PDB file of all heavy atoms in Angstrom:
ATOM      1  N   TRP A   1      -4.618  12.621 -22.853  1.00  0.00           N
ATOM      2  CA  TRP A   1      -3.406  12.890 -22.068  1.00  0.00           C
ATOM      3  C   TRP A   1      -2.872  14.300 -22.310  1.00  0.00           C
ATOM      4  O   TRP A   1      -2.168  14.854 -21.459  1.00  0.00           O
ATOM      5  CB  TRP A   1      -2.319  11.869 -22.402  1.00  0.00           C
ATOM      6  CG  TRP A   1      -2.681  10.480 -22.004  1.00  0.00           C
ATOM      7  CD1 TRP A   1      -3.190   9.504 -22.809  1.00  0.00           C
ATOM      8  CD2 TRP A   1      -2.578   9.894 -20.705  1.00  0.00           C
ATOM      9  NE1 TRP A   1      -3.403   8.354 -22.101  1.00  0.00           N
ATOM     10  CE2 TRP A   1      -3.035   8.552 -20.804  1.00  0.00           C
ATOM     11  CE3 TRP A   1      -2.135  10.359 -19.467  1.00  0.00           C
ATOM     12  CZ2 TRP A   1      -3.070   7.682 -19.722  1.00  0.00           C
ATOM     13  CZ3 TRP A   1      -2.163   9.499 -18.380  1.00  0.00           C
ATOM     14  CH2 TRP A   1      -2.614   8.185 -18.509  1.00  0.00           C
ATOM     15  N   SER A   2      -3.206  14.880 -23.442  1.00  0.00           N
ATOM     16  CA  SER A   2      -2.671  16.204 -23.780  1.00  0.00           C
ATOM     17  C   SER A   2      -3.598  17.355 -23.384  1.00  0.00           C
ATOM     18  O   SER A   2      -3.136  18.434 -23.005  1.00  0.00           O
ATOM     19  CB  SER A   2      -2.379  16.292 -25.285  1.00  0.00           C
ATOM     20  OG  SER A   2      -3.558  16.076 -26.051  1.00  0.00           O
ATOM     21  N   GLU A   3      -4.926  17.125 -23.432  1.00  0.00           N
ATOM     22  CA  GLU A   3      -5.868  18.223 -23.185  1.00  0.00           C
ATOM     23  C   GLU A   3      -6.285  18.338 -21.731  1.00  0.00           C
ATOM     24  O   GLU A   3      -6.740  19.394 -21.297  1.00  0.00           O
ATOM     25  CB  GLU A   3      -7.108  18.054 -24.068  1.00  0.00           C
ATOM     26  CG  GLU A   3      -6.812  18.196 -25.542  1.00  0.00           C
ATOM     27  CD  GLU A   3      -8.068  18.448 -26.352  1.00  0.00           C
ATOM     28  OE1 GLU A   3      -9.146  18.642 -25.743  1.00  0.00           O
ATOM     29  OE2 GLU A   3      -7.978  18.435 -27.590  1.00  0.00           O
ATOM     30  N   VAL A   4      -6.195  17.259 -20.965  1.00  0.00           N
ATOM     31  CA  VAL A   4      -6.523  17.298 -19.536  1.00  0.00           C
ATOM     32  C   VAL A   4      -5.390  16.606 -18.766  1.00  0.00           C
ATOM     33  O   VAL A   4      -4.710  15.736 -19.318  1.00  0.00           O
ATOM     34  CB  VAL A   4      -7.874  16.595 -19.227  1.00  0.00           C
ATOM     35  CG1 VAL A   4      -9.027  17.309 -19.887  1.00  0.00           C
ATOM     36  CG2 VAL A   4      -7.831  15.128 -19.641  1.00  0.00           C
ATOM     37  N   PRO A   5      -5.164  16.984 -17.509  1.00  0.00           N
ATOM     38  CA  PRO A   5      -4.107  16.332 -16.708  1.00  0.00           C
ATOM     39  C   PRO A   5      -4.526  14.946 -16.246  1.00  0.00           C
ATOM     40  O   PRO A   5      -4.633  14.669 -15.038  1.00  0.00           O
ATOM     41  CB  PRO A   5      -3.908  17.300 -15.549  1.00  0.00           C
ATOM     42  CG  PRO A   5      -5.209  17.983 -15.387  1.00  0.00           C
ATOM     43  CD  PRO A   5      -5.781  18.111 -16.780  1.00  0.00           C
ATOM     44  N   PHE A   6      -4.757  14.055 -17.214  1.00  0.00           N
ATOM     45  CA  PHE A   6      -5.264  12.729 -16.893  1.00  0.00           C
ATOM     46  C   PHE A   6      -4.279  11.939 -16.046  1.00  0.00           C
ATOM     47  O   PHE A   6      -4.674  11.163 -15.172  1.00  0.00           O
ATOM     48  CB  PHE A   6      -5.584  11.977 -18.193  1.00  0.00           C
ATOM     49  CG  PHE A   6      -6.458  10.774 -18.000  1.00  0.00           C
ATOM     50  CD1 PHE A   6      -7.833  10.919 -17.834  1.00  0.00           C
ATOM     51  CD2 PHE A   6      -5.929   9.501 -17.976  1.00  0.00           C
ATOM     52  CE1 PHE A   6      -8.643   9.817 -17.657  1.00  0.00           C
ATOM     53  CE2 PHE A   6      -6.726   8.390 -17.805  1.00  0.00           C
ATOM     54  CZ  PHE A   6      -8.095   8.559 -17.638  1.00  0.00           C
ATOM     55  N   GLY A   7      -2.990  12.098 -16.323  1.00  0.00           N
ATOM     56  CA  GLY A   7      -1.989  11.401 -15.529  1.00  0.00           C
ATOM     57  C   GLY A   7      -2.035  11.798 -14.067  1.00  0.00           C
ATOM     58  O   GLY A   7      -1.858  10.965 -13.172  1.00  0.00           O
ATOM     59  N   ARG A   8      -2.290  13.093 -13.801  1.00  0.00           N
ATOM     60  CA  ARG A   8      -2.387  13.563 -12.418  1.00  0.00           C
ATOM     61  C   ARG A   8      -3.604  12.959 -11.734  1.00  0.00           C
ATOM     62  O   ARG A   8      -3.540  12.538 -10.571  1.00  0.00           O
ATOM     63  CB  ARG A   8      -2.485  15.091 -12.397  1.00  0.00           C
ATOM     64  CG  ARG A   8      -2.550  15.686 -10.999  1.00  0.00           C
ATOM     65  CD  ARG A   8      -1.232  15.509 -10.273  1.00  0.00           C
ATOM     66  NE  ARG A   8      -1.370  15.719  -8.842  1.00  0.00           N
ATOM     67  CZ  ARG A   8      -0.351  15.740  -8.005  1.00  0.00           C
ATOM     68  NH1 ARG A   8       0.882  15.556  -8.447  1.00  0.00           N
ATOM     69  NH2 ARG A   8      -0.528  15.915  -6.716  1.00  0.00           N
ATOM     70  N   TYR A   9      -4.735  12.914 -12.448  1.00  0.00           N
ATOM     71  CA  TYR A   9      -5.939  12.302 -11.884  1.00  0.00           C
ATOM     72  C   TYR A   9      -5.687  10.831 -11.556  1.00  0.00           C
ATOM     73  O   TYR A   9      -6.113  10.324 -10.506  1.00  0.00           O
ATOM     74  CB  TYR A   9      -7.107  12.400 -12.869  1.00  0.00           C
ATOM     75  CG  TYR A   9      -7.488  13.811 -13.244  1.00  0.00           C
ATOM     76  CD1 TYR A   9      -7.992  14.099 -14.520  1.00  0.00           C
ATOM     77  CD2 TYR A   9      -7.384  14.857 -12.337  1.00  0.00           C
ATOM     78  CE1 TYR A   9      -8.361  15.375 -14.877  1.00  0.00           C
ATOM     79  CE2 TYR A   9      -7.750  16.145 -12.693  1.00  0.00           C
ATOM     80  CZ  TYR A   9      -8.236  16.396 -13.967  1.00  0.00           C
ATOM     81  OH  TYR A   9      -8.595  17.671 -14.317  1.00  0.00           O
ATOM     82  N   PHE A  10      -5.008  10.148 -12.456  1.00  0.00           N
ATOM     83  CA  PHE A  10      -4.711   8.731 -12.271  1.00  0.00           C
ATOM     84  C   PHE A  10      -3.834   8.527 -11.035  1.00  0.00           C
ATOM     85  O   PHE A  10      -4.076   7.633 -10.216  1.00  0.00           O
ATOM     86  CB  PHE A  10      -4.009   8.203 -13.518  1.00  0.00           C
ATOM     87  CG  PHE A  10      -4.254   6.755 -13.788  1.00  0.00           C
ATOM     88  CD1 PHE A  10      -5.322   6.353 -14.575  1.00  0.00           C
ATOM     89  CD2 PHE A  10      -3.420   5.780 -13.278  1.00  0.00           C
ATOM     90  CE1 PHE A  10      -5.551   5.024 -14.843  1.00  0.00           C
ATOM     91  CE2 PHE A  10      -3.637   4.442 -13.528  1.00  0.00           C
ATOM     92  CZ  PHE A  10      -4.705   4.060 -14.325  1.00  0.00           C
ATOM     93  N   LEU A  11      -2.806   9.375 -10.909  1.00  0.00           N
ATOM     94  CA  LEU A  11      -1.909   9.290  -9.751  1.00  0.00           C
ATOM     95  C   LEU A  11      -2.664   9.573  -8.455  1.00  0.00           C
ATOM     96  O   LEU A  11      -2.439   8.895  -7.437  1.00  0.00           O
ATOM     97  CB  LEU A  11      -0.756  10.268  -9.916  1.00  0.00           C
ATOM     98  CG  LEU A  11       0.238  10.352  -8.753  1.00  0.00           C
ATOM     99  CD1 LEU A  11       0.941   9.007  -8.557  1.00  0.00           C
ATOM    100  CD2 LEU A  11       1.253  11.460  -8.984  1.00  0.00           C
ATOM    101  N   ASN A  12      -3.540  10.573  -8.472  1.00  0.00           N
ATOM    102  CA  ASN A  12      -4.316  10.896  -7.270  1.00  0.00           C
ATOM    103  C   ASN A  12      -5.157   9.708  -6.822  1.00  0.00           C
ATOM    104  O   ASN A  12      -5.237   9.401  -5.619  1.00  0.00           O
ATOM    105  CB  ASN A  12      -5.231  12.097  -7.542  1.00  0.00           C
ATOM    106  CG  ASN A  12      -4.454  13.393  -7.683  1.00  0.00           C
ATOM    107  OD1 ASN A  12      -3.327  13.513  -7.228  1.00  0.00           O
ATOM    108  ND2 ASN A  12      -5.059  14.360  -8.352  1.00  0.00           N
ATOM    109  N   SER A  13      -5.792   9.023  -7.761  1.00  0.00           N
ATOM    110  CA  SER A  13      -6.605   7.867  -7.407  1.00  0.00           C
ATOM    111  C   SER A  13      -5.749   6.731  -6.871  1.00  0.00           C
ATOM    112  O   SER A  13      -6.152   6.034  -5.931  1.00  0.00           O
ATOM    113  CB  SER A  13      -7.390   7.384  -8.634  1.00  0.00           C
ATOM    114  OG  SER A  13      -8.477   8.229  -8.904  1.00  0.00           O
ATOM    115  N   LEU A  14      -4.574   6.534  -7.445  1.00  0.00           N
ATOM    116  CA  LEU A  14      -3.680   5.486  -6.957  1.00  0.00           C
ATOM    117  C   LEU A  14      -3.222   5.778  -5.524  1.00  0.00           C
ATOM    118  O   LEU A  14      -3.245   4.890  -4.658  1.00  0.00           O
ATOM    119  CB  LEU A  14      -2.467   5.360  -7.869  1.00  0.00           C
ATOM    120  CG  LEU A  14      -2.650   4.559  -9.163  1.00  0.00           C
ATOM    121  CD1 LEU A  14      -1.368   4.584  -9.972  1.00  0.00           C
ATOM    122  CD2 LEU A  14      -3.058   3.124  -8.870  1.00  0.00           C
ATOM    123  N   VAL A  15      -2.800   7.025  -5.274  1.00  0.00           N
ATOM    124  CA  VAL A  15      -2.356   7.404  -3.928  1.00  0.00           C
ATOM    125  C   VAL A  15      -3.500   7.247  -2.936  1.00  0.00           C
ATOM    126  O   VAL A  15      -3.335   6.669  -1.843  1.00  0.00           O
ATOM    127  CB  VAL A  15      -1.822   8.839  -3.921  1.00  0.00           C
ATOM    128  CG1 VAL A  15      -1.526   9.302  -2.488  1.00  0.00           C
ATOM    129  CG2 VAL A  15      -0.553   8.942  -4.760  1.00  0.00           C
ATOM    130  N   PHE A  16      -4.669   7.743  -3.296  1.00  0.00           N
ATOM    131  CA  PHE A  16      -5.843   7.680  -2.419  1.00  0.00           C
ATOM    132  C   PHE A  16      -6.256   6.239  -2.143  1.00  0.00           C
ATOM    133  O   PHE A  16      -6.358   5.801  -0.990  1.00  0.00           O
ATOM    134  CB  PHE A  16      -6.973   8.476  -3.059  1.00  0.00           C
ATOM    135  CG  PHE A  16      -8.326   8.255  -2.468  1.00  0.00           C
ATOM    136  CD1 PHE A  16      -8.534   8.326  -1.098  1.00  0.00           C
ATOM    137  CD2 PHE A  16      -9.414   7.956  -3.287  1.00  0.00           C
ATOM    138  CE1 PHE A  16      -9.796   8.108  -0.551  1.00  0.00           C
ATOM    139  CE2 PHE A  16     -10.662   7.739  -2.756  1.00  0.00           C
ATOM    140  CZ  PHE A  16     -10.863   7.811  -1.381  1.00  0.00           C
ATOM    141  N   SER A  17      -6.468   5.456  -3.183  1.00  0.00           N
ATOM    142  CA  SER A  17      -6.991   4.104  -3.027  1.00  0.00           C
ATOM    143  C   SER A  17      -5.993   3.178  -2.362  1.00  0.00           C
ATOM    144  O   SER A  17      -6.339   2.419  -1.443  1.00  0.00           O
ATOM    145  CB  SER A  17      -7.397   3.536  -4.393  1.00  0.00           C
ATOM    146  OG  SER A  17      -8.373   4.344  -5.008  1.00  0.00           O
ATOM    147  N   CYS A  18      -4.727   3.213  -2.797  1.00  0.00           N
ATOM    148  CA  CYS A  18      -3.721   2.308  -2.219  1.00  0.00           C
ATOM    149  C   CYS A  18      -3.422   2.664  -0.765  1.00  0.00           C
ATOM    150  O   CYS A  18      -3.207   1.764   0.061  1.00  0.00           O
ATOM    151  CB  CYS A  18      -2.451   2.358  -3.060  1.00  0.00           C
ATOM    152  SG  CYS A  18      -2.633   1.678  -4.726  1.00  0.00           S
ATOM    153  N   SER A  19      -3.421   3.947  -0.435  1.00  0.00           N
ATOM    154  CA  SER A  19      -3.182   4.347   0.961  1.00  0.00           C
ATOM    155  C   SER A  19      -4.321   3.877   1.855  1.00  0.00           C
ATOM    156  O   SER A  19      -4.089   3.384   2.962  1.00  0.00           O
ATOM    157  CB  SER A  19      -3.034   5.875   1.061  1.00  0.00           C
ATOM    158  OG  SER A  19      -1.932   6.324   0.308  1.00  0.00           O
ATOM    159  N   VAL A  20      -5.550   4.027   1.381  1.00  0.00           N
ATOM    160  CA  VAL A  20      -6.703   3.575   2.157  1.00  0.00           C
ATOM    161  C   VAL A  20      -6.644   2.054   2.345  1.00  0.00           C
ATOM    162  O   VAL A  20      -6.906   1.550   3.437  1.00  0.00           O
ATOM    163  CB  VAL A  20      -8.017   3.994   1.481  1.00  0.00           C
ATOM    164  CG1 VAL A  20      -9.213   3.322   2.160  1.00  0.00           C
ATOM    165  CG2 VAL A  20      -8.192   5.498   1.527  1.00  0.00           C
ATOM    166  N   VAL A  21      -6.272   1.321   1.302  1.00  0.00           N
ATOM    167  CA  VAL A  21      -6.173  -0.137   1.403  1.00  0.00           C
ATOM    168  C   VAL A  21      -5.157  -0.532   2.480  1.00  0.00           C
ATOM    169  O   VAL A  21      -5.434  -1.370   3.351  1.00  0.00           O
ATOM    170  CB  VAL A  21      -5.790  -0.756   0.043  1.00  0.00           C
ATOM    171  CG1 VAL A  21      -5.398  -2.223   0.213  1.00  0.00           C
ATOM    172  CG2 VAL A  21      -6.937  -0.642  -0.939  1.00  0.00           C
ATOM    173  N   ALA A  22      -3.972   0.073   2.444  1.00  0.00           N
ATOM    174  CA  ALA A  22      -2.910  -0.286   3.387  1.00  0.00           C
ATOM    175  C   ALA A  22      -3.318   0.014   4.825  1.00  0.00           C
ATOM    176  O   ALA A  22      -3.168  -0.826   5.727  1.00  0.00           O
ATOM    177  CB  ALA A  22      -1.628   0.455   3.033  1.00  0.00           C
ATOM    178  N   ILE A  23      -3.869   1.210   5.061  1.00  0.00           N
ATOM    179  CA  ILE A  23      -4.236   1.601   6.432  1.00  0.00           C
ATOM    180  C   ILE A  23      -5.450   0.827   6.907  1.00  0.00           C
ATOM    181  O   ILE A  23      -5.504   0.356   8.057  1.00  0.00           O
ATOM    182  CB  ILE A  23      -4.490   3.120   6.497  1.00  0.00           C
ATOM    183  CG1 ILE A  23      -3.224   3.887   6.114  1.00  0.00           C
ATOM    184  CG2 ILE A  23      -4.951   3.534   7.884  1.00  0.00           C
ATOM    185  CD1 ILE A  23      -3.422   5.380   5.974  1.00  0.00           C
ATOM    186  N   ALA A  24      -6.454   0.689   6.029  1.00  0.00           N
ATOM    187  CA  ALA A  24      -7.688   0.022   6.435  1.00  0.00           C
ATOM    188  C   ALA A  24      -7.465  -1.453   6.729  1.00  0.00           C
ATOM    189  O   ALA A  24      -8.059  -1.997   7.666  1.00  0.00           O
ATOM    190  CB  ALA A  24      -8.752   0.189   5.347  1.00  0.00           C
ATOM    191  N   LEU A  25      -6.623  -2.125   5.963  1.00  0.00           N
ATOM    192  CA  LEU A  25      -6.340  -3.538   6.244  1.00  0.00           C
ATOM    193  C   LEU A  25      -5.709  -3.697   7.622  1.00  0.00           C
ATOM    194  O   LEU A  25      -6.038  -4.619   8.371  1.00  0.00           O
ATOM    195  CB  LEU A  25      -5.426  -4.118   5.178  1.00  0.00           C
ATOM    196  CG  LEU A  25      -6.048  -4.402   3.807  1.00  0.00           C
ATOM    197  CD1 LEU A  25      -5.013  -4.965   2.857  1.00  0.00           C
ATOM    198  CD2 LEU A  25      -7.232  -5.358   3.914  1.00  0.00           C
ATOM    199  N   PHE A  26      -4.807  -2.803   7.966  1.00  0.00           N
ATOM    200  CA  PHE A  26      -4.147  -2.878   9.262  1.00  0.00           C
ATOM    201  C   PHE A  26      -5.139  -2.617  10.395  1.00  0.00           C
ATOM    202  O   PHE A  26      -5.239  -3.408  11.347  1.00  0.00           O
ATOM    203  CB  PHE A  26      -2.994  -1.858   9.309  1.00  0.00           C
ATOM    204  CG  PHE A  26      -2.313  -1.773  10.641  1.00  0.00           C
ATOM    205  CD1 PHE A  26      -1.550  -2.828  11.117  1.00  0.00           C
ATOM    206  CD2 PHE A  26      -2.421  -0.638  11.420  1.00  0.00           C
ATOM    207  CE1 PHE A  26      -0.912  -2.755  12.346  1.00  0.00           C
ATOM    208  CE2 PHE A  26      -1.796  -0.548  12.647  1.00  0.00           C
ATOM    209  CZ  PHE A  26      -1.042  -1.608  13.118  1.00  0.00           C
ATOM    210  N   LEU A  27      -5.909  -1.522  10.305  1.00  0.00           N
ATOM    211  CA  LEU A  27      -6.820  -1.172  11.388  1.00  0.00           C
ATOM    212  C   LEU A  27      -7.994  -2.141  11.470  1.00  0.00           C
ATOM    213  O   LEU A  27      -8.406  -2.533  12.573  1.00  0.00           O
ATOM    214  CB  LEU A  27      -7.321   0.259  11.186  1.00  0.00           C
ATOM    215  CG  LEU A  27      -6.262   1.368  11.275  1.00  0.00           C
ATOM    216  CD1 LEU A  27      -6.904   2.736  11.056  1.00  0.00           C
ATOM    217  CD2 LEU A  27      -5.557   1.336  12.621  1.00  0.00           C
ATOM    218  N   ASN A  28      -8.559  -2.519  10.326  1.00  0.00           N
ATOM    219  CA  ASN A  28      -9.693  -3.446  10.341  1.00  0.00           C
ATOM    220  C   ASN A  28      -9.297  -4.809  10.894  1.00  0.00           C
ATOM    221  O   ASN A  28     -10.065  -5.449  11.623  1.00  0.00           O
ATOM    222  CB  ASN A  28     -10.259  -3.623   8.934  1.00  0.00           C
ATOM    223  CG  ASN A  28     -10.979  -2.387   8.430  1.00  0.00           C
ATOM    224  OD1 ASN A  28     -11.415  -1.545   9.223  1.00  0.00           O
ATOM    225  ND2 ASN A  28     -11.109  -2.260   7.141  1.00  0.00           N
ATOM    226  N   SER A  29      -8.090  -5.263  10.552  1.00  0.00           N
ATOM    227  CA  SER A  29      -7.654  -6.565  11.054  1.00  0.00           C
ATOM    228  C   SER A  29      -7.400  -6.508  12.561  1.00  0.00           C
ATOM    229  O   SER A  29      -7.716  -7.472  13.277  1.00  0.00           O
ATOM    230  CB  SER A  29      -6.394  -7.024  10.324  1.00  0.00           C
ATOM    231  OG  SER A  29      -5.310  -6.128  10.547  1.00  0.00           O
ATOM    232  N   MET A  30      -6.849  -5.405  13.056  1.00  0.00           N
ATOM    233  CA  MET A  30      -6.650  -5.280  14.502  1.00  0.00           C
ATOM    234  C   MET A  30      -7.982  -5.275  15.239  1.00  0.00           C
ATOM    235  O   MET A  30      -8.141  -5.958  16.256  1.00  0.00           O
ATOM    236  CB  MET A  30      -5.872  -3.998  14.814  1.00  0.00           C
ATOM    237  CG  MET A  30      -4.404  -4.050  14.441  1.00  0.00           C
ATOM    238  SD  MET A  30      -3.490  -2.610  15.023  1.00  0.00           S
ATOM    239  CE  MET A  30      -3.567  -2.858  16.787  1.00  0.00           C
ATOM    240  N   ALA A  31      -8.937  -4.499  14.723  1.00  0.00           N
ATOM    241  CA  ALA A  31     -10.253  -4.453  15.368  1.00  0.00           C
ATOM    242  C   ALA A  31     -10.956  -5.807  15.264  1.00  0.00           C
ATOM    243  O   ALA A  31     -11.579  -6.271  16.225  1.00  0.00           O
ATOM    244  CB  ALA A  31     -11.104  -3.365  14.727  1.00  0.00           C
ATOM    245  N   GLY A  32     -10.863  -6.456  14.090  1.00  0.00           N
ATOM    246  CA  GLY A  32     -11.478  -7.764  13.923  1.00  0.00           C
ATOM    247  C   GLY A  32     -10.889  -8.800  14.859  1.00  0.00           C
ATOM    248  O   GLY A  32     -11.612  -9.627  15.421  1.00  0.00           O
ATOM    249  N   TYR A  33      -9.569  -8.748  15.062  1.00  0.00           N
ATOM    250  CA  TYR A  33      -8.921  -9.669  15.989  1.00  0.00           C
ATOM    251  C   TYR A  33      -9.402  -9.422  17.427  1.00  0.00           C
ATOM    252  O   TYR A  33      -9.676 -10.370  18.167  1.00  0.00           O
ATOM    253  CB  TYR A  33      -7.408  -9.506  15.920  1.00  0.00           C
ATOM    254  CG  TYR A  33      -6.651 -10.325  16.931  1.00  0.00           C
ATOM    255  CD1 TYR A  33      -6.461 -11.693  16.747  1.00  0.00           C
ATOM    256  CD2 TYR A  33      -6.151  -9.746  18.092  1.00  0.00           C
ATOM    257  CE1 TYR A  33      -5.780 -12.455  17.674  1.00  0.00           C
ATOM    258  CE2 TYR A  33      -5.471 -10.504  19.034  1.00  0.00           C
ATOM    259  CZ  TYR A  33      -5.291 -11.853  18.825  1.00  0.00           C
ATOM    260  OH  TYR A  33      -4.618 -12.614  19.740  1.00  0.00           O
ATOM    261  N   ALA A  34      -9.524  -8.147  17.805  1.00  0.00           N
ATOM    262  CA  ALA A  34      -9.976  -7.825  19.157  1.00  0.00           C
ATOM    263  C   ALA A  34     -11.405  -8.323  19.392  1.00  0.00           C
ATOM    264  O   ALA A  34     -11.698  -8.926  20.441  1.00  0.00           O
ATOM    265  CB  ALA A  34      -9.894  -6.314  19.388  1.00  0.00           C
ATOM    266  N   PHE A  35     -12.296  -8.112  18.441  1.00  0.00           N
ATOM    267  CA  PHE A  35     -13.671  -8.546  18.619  1.00  0.00           C
ATOM    268  C   PHE A  35     -13.814 -10.061  18.559  1.00  0.00           C
ATOM    269  O   PHE A  35     -14.744 -10.619  19.158  1.00  0.00           O
ATOM    270  CB  PHE A  35     -14.570  -7.910  17.542  1.00  0.00           C
ATOM    271  CG  PHE A  35     -14.923  -6.469  17.818  1.00  0.00           C
ATOM    272  CD1 PHE A  35     -14.528  -5.467  16.951  1.00  0.00           C
ATOM    273  CD2 PHE A  35     -15.655  -6.129  18.927  1.00  0.00           C
ATOM    274  CE1 PHE A  35     -14.848  -4.152  17.193  1.00  0.00           C
ATOM    275  CE2 PHE A  35     -15.986  -4.809  19.190  1.00  0.00           C
ATOM    276  CZ  PHE A  35     -15.576  -3.810  18.325  1.00  0.00           C
ATOM    277  N   ALA A  36     -12.939 -10.724  17.848  1.00  0.00           N
ATOM    278  CA  ALA A  36     -13.048 -12.187  17.711  1.00  0.00           C
ATOM    279  C   ALA A  36     -12.362 -12.932  18.846  1.00  0.00           C
ATOM    280  O   ALA A  36     -12.833 -13.992  19.265  1.00  0.00           O
ATOM    281  CB  ALA A  36     -12.456 -12.624  16.369  1.00  0.00           C
ATOM    282  N   ARG A  37     -11.243 -12.395  19.375  1.00  0.00           N
ATOM    283  CA  ARG A  37     -10.404 -13.168  20.269  1.00  0.00           C
ATOM    284  C   ARG A  37     -10.303 -12.633  21.691  1.00  0.00           C
ATOM    285  O   ARG A  37     -10.020 -13.402  22.617  1.00  0.00           O
ATOM    286  CB  ARG A  37      -8.981 -13.250  19.687  1.00  0.00           C
ATOM    287  CG  ARG A  37      -8.897 -13.969  18.360  1.00  0.00           C
ATOM    288  CD  ARG A  37      -9.452 -15.367  18.439  1.00  0.00           C
ATOM    289  NE  ARG A  37      -8.963 -16.220  17.361  1.00  0.00           N
ATOM    290  CZ  ARG A  37      -9.314 -17.468  17.186  1.00  0.00           C
ATOM    291  NH1 ARG A  37     -10.152 -18.038  18.019  1.00  0.00           N
ATOM    292  NH2 ARG A  37      -8.833 -18.185  16.185  1.00  0.00           N
ATOM    293  N   LEU A  38     -10.494 -11.352  21.880  1.00  0.00           N
ATOM    294  CA  LEU A  38     -10.294 -10.759  23.200  1.00  0.00           C
ATOM    295  C   LEU A  38     -11.619 -10.626  23.930  1.00  0.00           C
ATOM    296  O   LEU A  38     -12.651 -10.319  23.322  1.00  0.00           O
ATOM    297  CB  LEU A  38      -9.614  -9.390  23.081  1.00  0.00           C
ATOM    298  CG  LEU A  38      -8.268  -9.362  22.353  1.00  0.00           C
ATOM    299  CD1 LEU A  38      -7.688  -7.953  22.377  1.00  0.00           C
ATOM    300  CD2 LEU A  38      -7.293 -10.364  22.970  1.00  0.00           C
ATOM    301  N   GLN A  39     -11.597 -10.837  25.220  1.00  0.00           N
ATOM    302  CA  GLN A  39     -12.776 -10.682  26.059  1.00  0.00           C
ATOM    303  C   GLN A  39     -12.679  -9.357  26.823  1.00  0.00           C
ATOM    304  O   GLN A  39     -11.739  -9.149  27.573  1.00  0.00           O
ATOM    305  CB  GLN A  39     -12.871 -11.849  27.053  1.00  0.00           C
ATOM    306  CG  GLN A  39     -13.002 -13.217  26.418  1.00  0.00           C
ATOM    307  CD  GLN A  39     -14.317 -13.396  25.680  1.00  0.00           C
ATOM    308  OE1 GLN A  39     -15.335 -12.797  26.060  1.00  0.00           O
ATOM    309  NE2 GLN A  39     -14.305 -14.227  24.653  1.00  0.00           N
ATOM    310  N   PHE A  40     -13.625  -8.475  26.597  1.00  0.00           N
ATOM    311  CA  PHE A  40     -13.652  -7.209  27.312  1.00  0.00           C
ATOM    312  C   PHE A  40     -15.099  -6.756  27.464  1.00  0.00           C
ATOM    313  O   PHE A  40     -15.981  -7.156  26.691  1.00  0.00           O
ATOM    314  CB  PHE A  40     -12.809  -6.129  26.617  1.00  0.00           C
ATOM    315  CG  PHE A  40     -13.181  -5.880  25.172  1.00  0.00           C
ATOM    316  CD1 PHE A  40     -14.127  -4.932  24.821  1.00  0.00           C
ATOM    317  CD2 PHE A  40     -12.555  -6.619  24.156  1.00  0.00           C
ATOM    318  CE1 PHE A  40     -14.457  -4.703  23.500  1.00  0.00           C
ATOM    319  CE2 PHE A  40     -12.883  -6.391  22.829  1.00  0.00           C
ATOM    320  CZ  PHE A  40     -13.832  -5.435  22.498  1.00  0.00           C
ATOM    321  N   LYS A  41     -15.329  -5.931  28.429  1.00  0.00           N
ATOM    322  CA  LYS A  41     -16.676  -5.496  28.768  1.00  0.00           C
ATOM    323  C   LYS A  41     -17.273  -4.666  27.632  1.00  0.00           C
ATOM    324  O   LYS A  41     -16.643  -3.756  27.125  1.00  0.00           O
ATOM    325  CB  LYS A  41     -16.658  -4.689  30.060  1.00  0.00           C
ATOM    326  CG  LYS A  41     -18.033  -4.377  30.606  1.00  0.00           C
ATOM    327  CD  LYS A  41     -17.944  -3.681  31.954  1.00  0.00           C
ATOM    328  CE  LYS A  41     -19.340  -3.400  32.525  1.00  0.00           C
ATOM    329  NZ  LYS A  41     -19.249  -2.726  33.845  1.00  0.00           N
TER     330      LYS A  41
END
């Protein structure tokens, strides 16, 4: 924690991973619903 900015690296991974989870769940579920339930050409 003292010799490298480990806390910053940890925060970057949290921001990156949690943001991807939130956005991907929303978009993937919308697309999955469309392919499962909606009829389109």
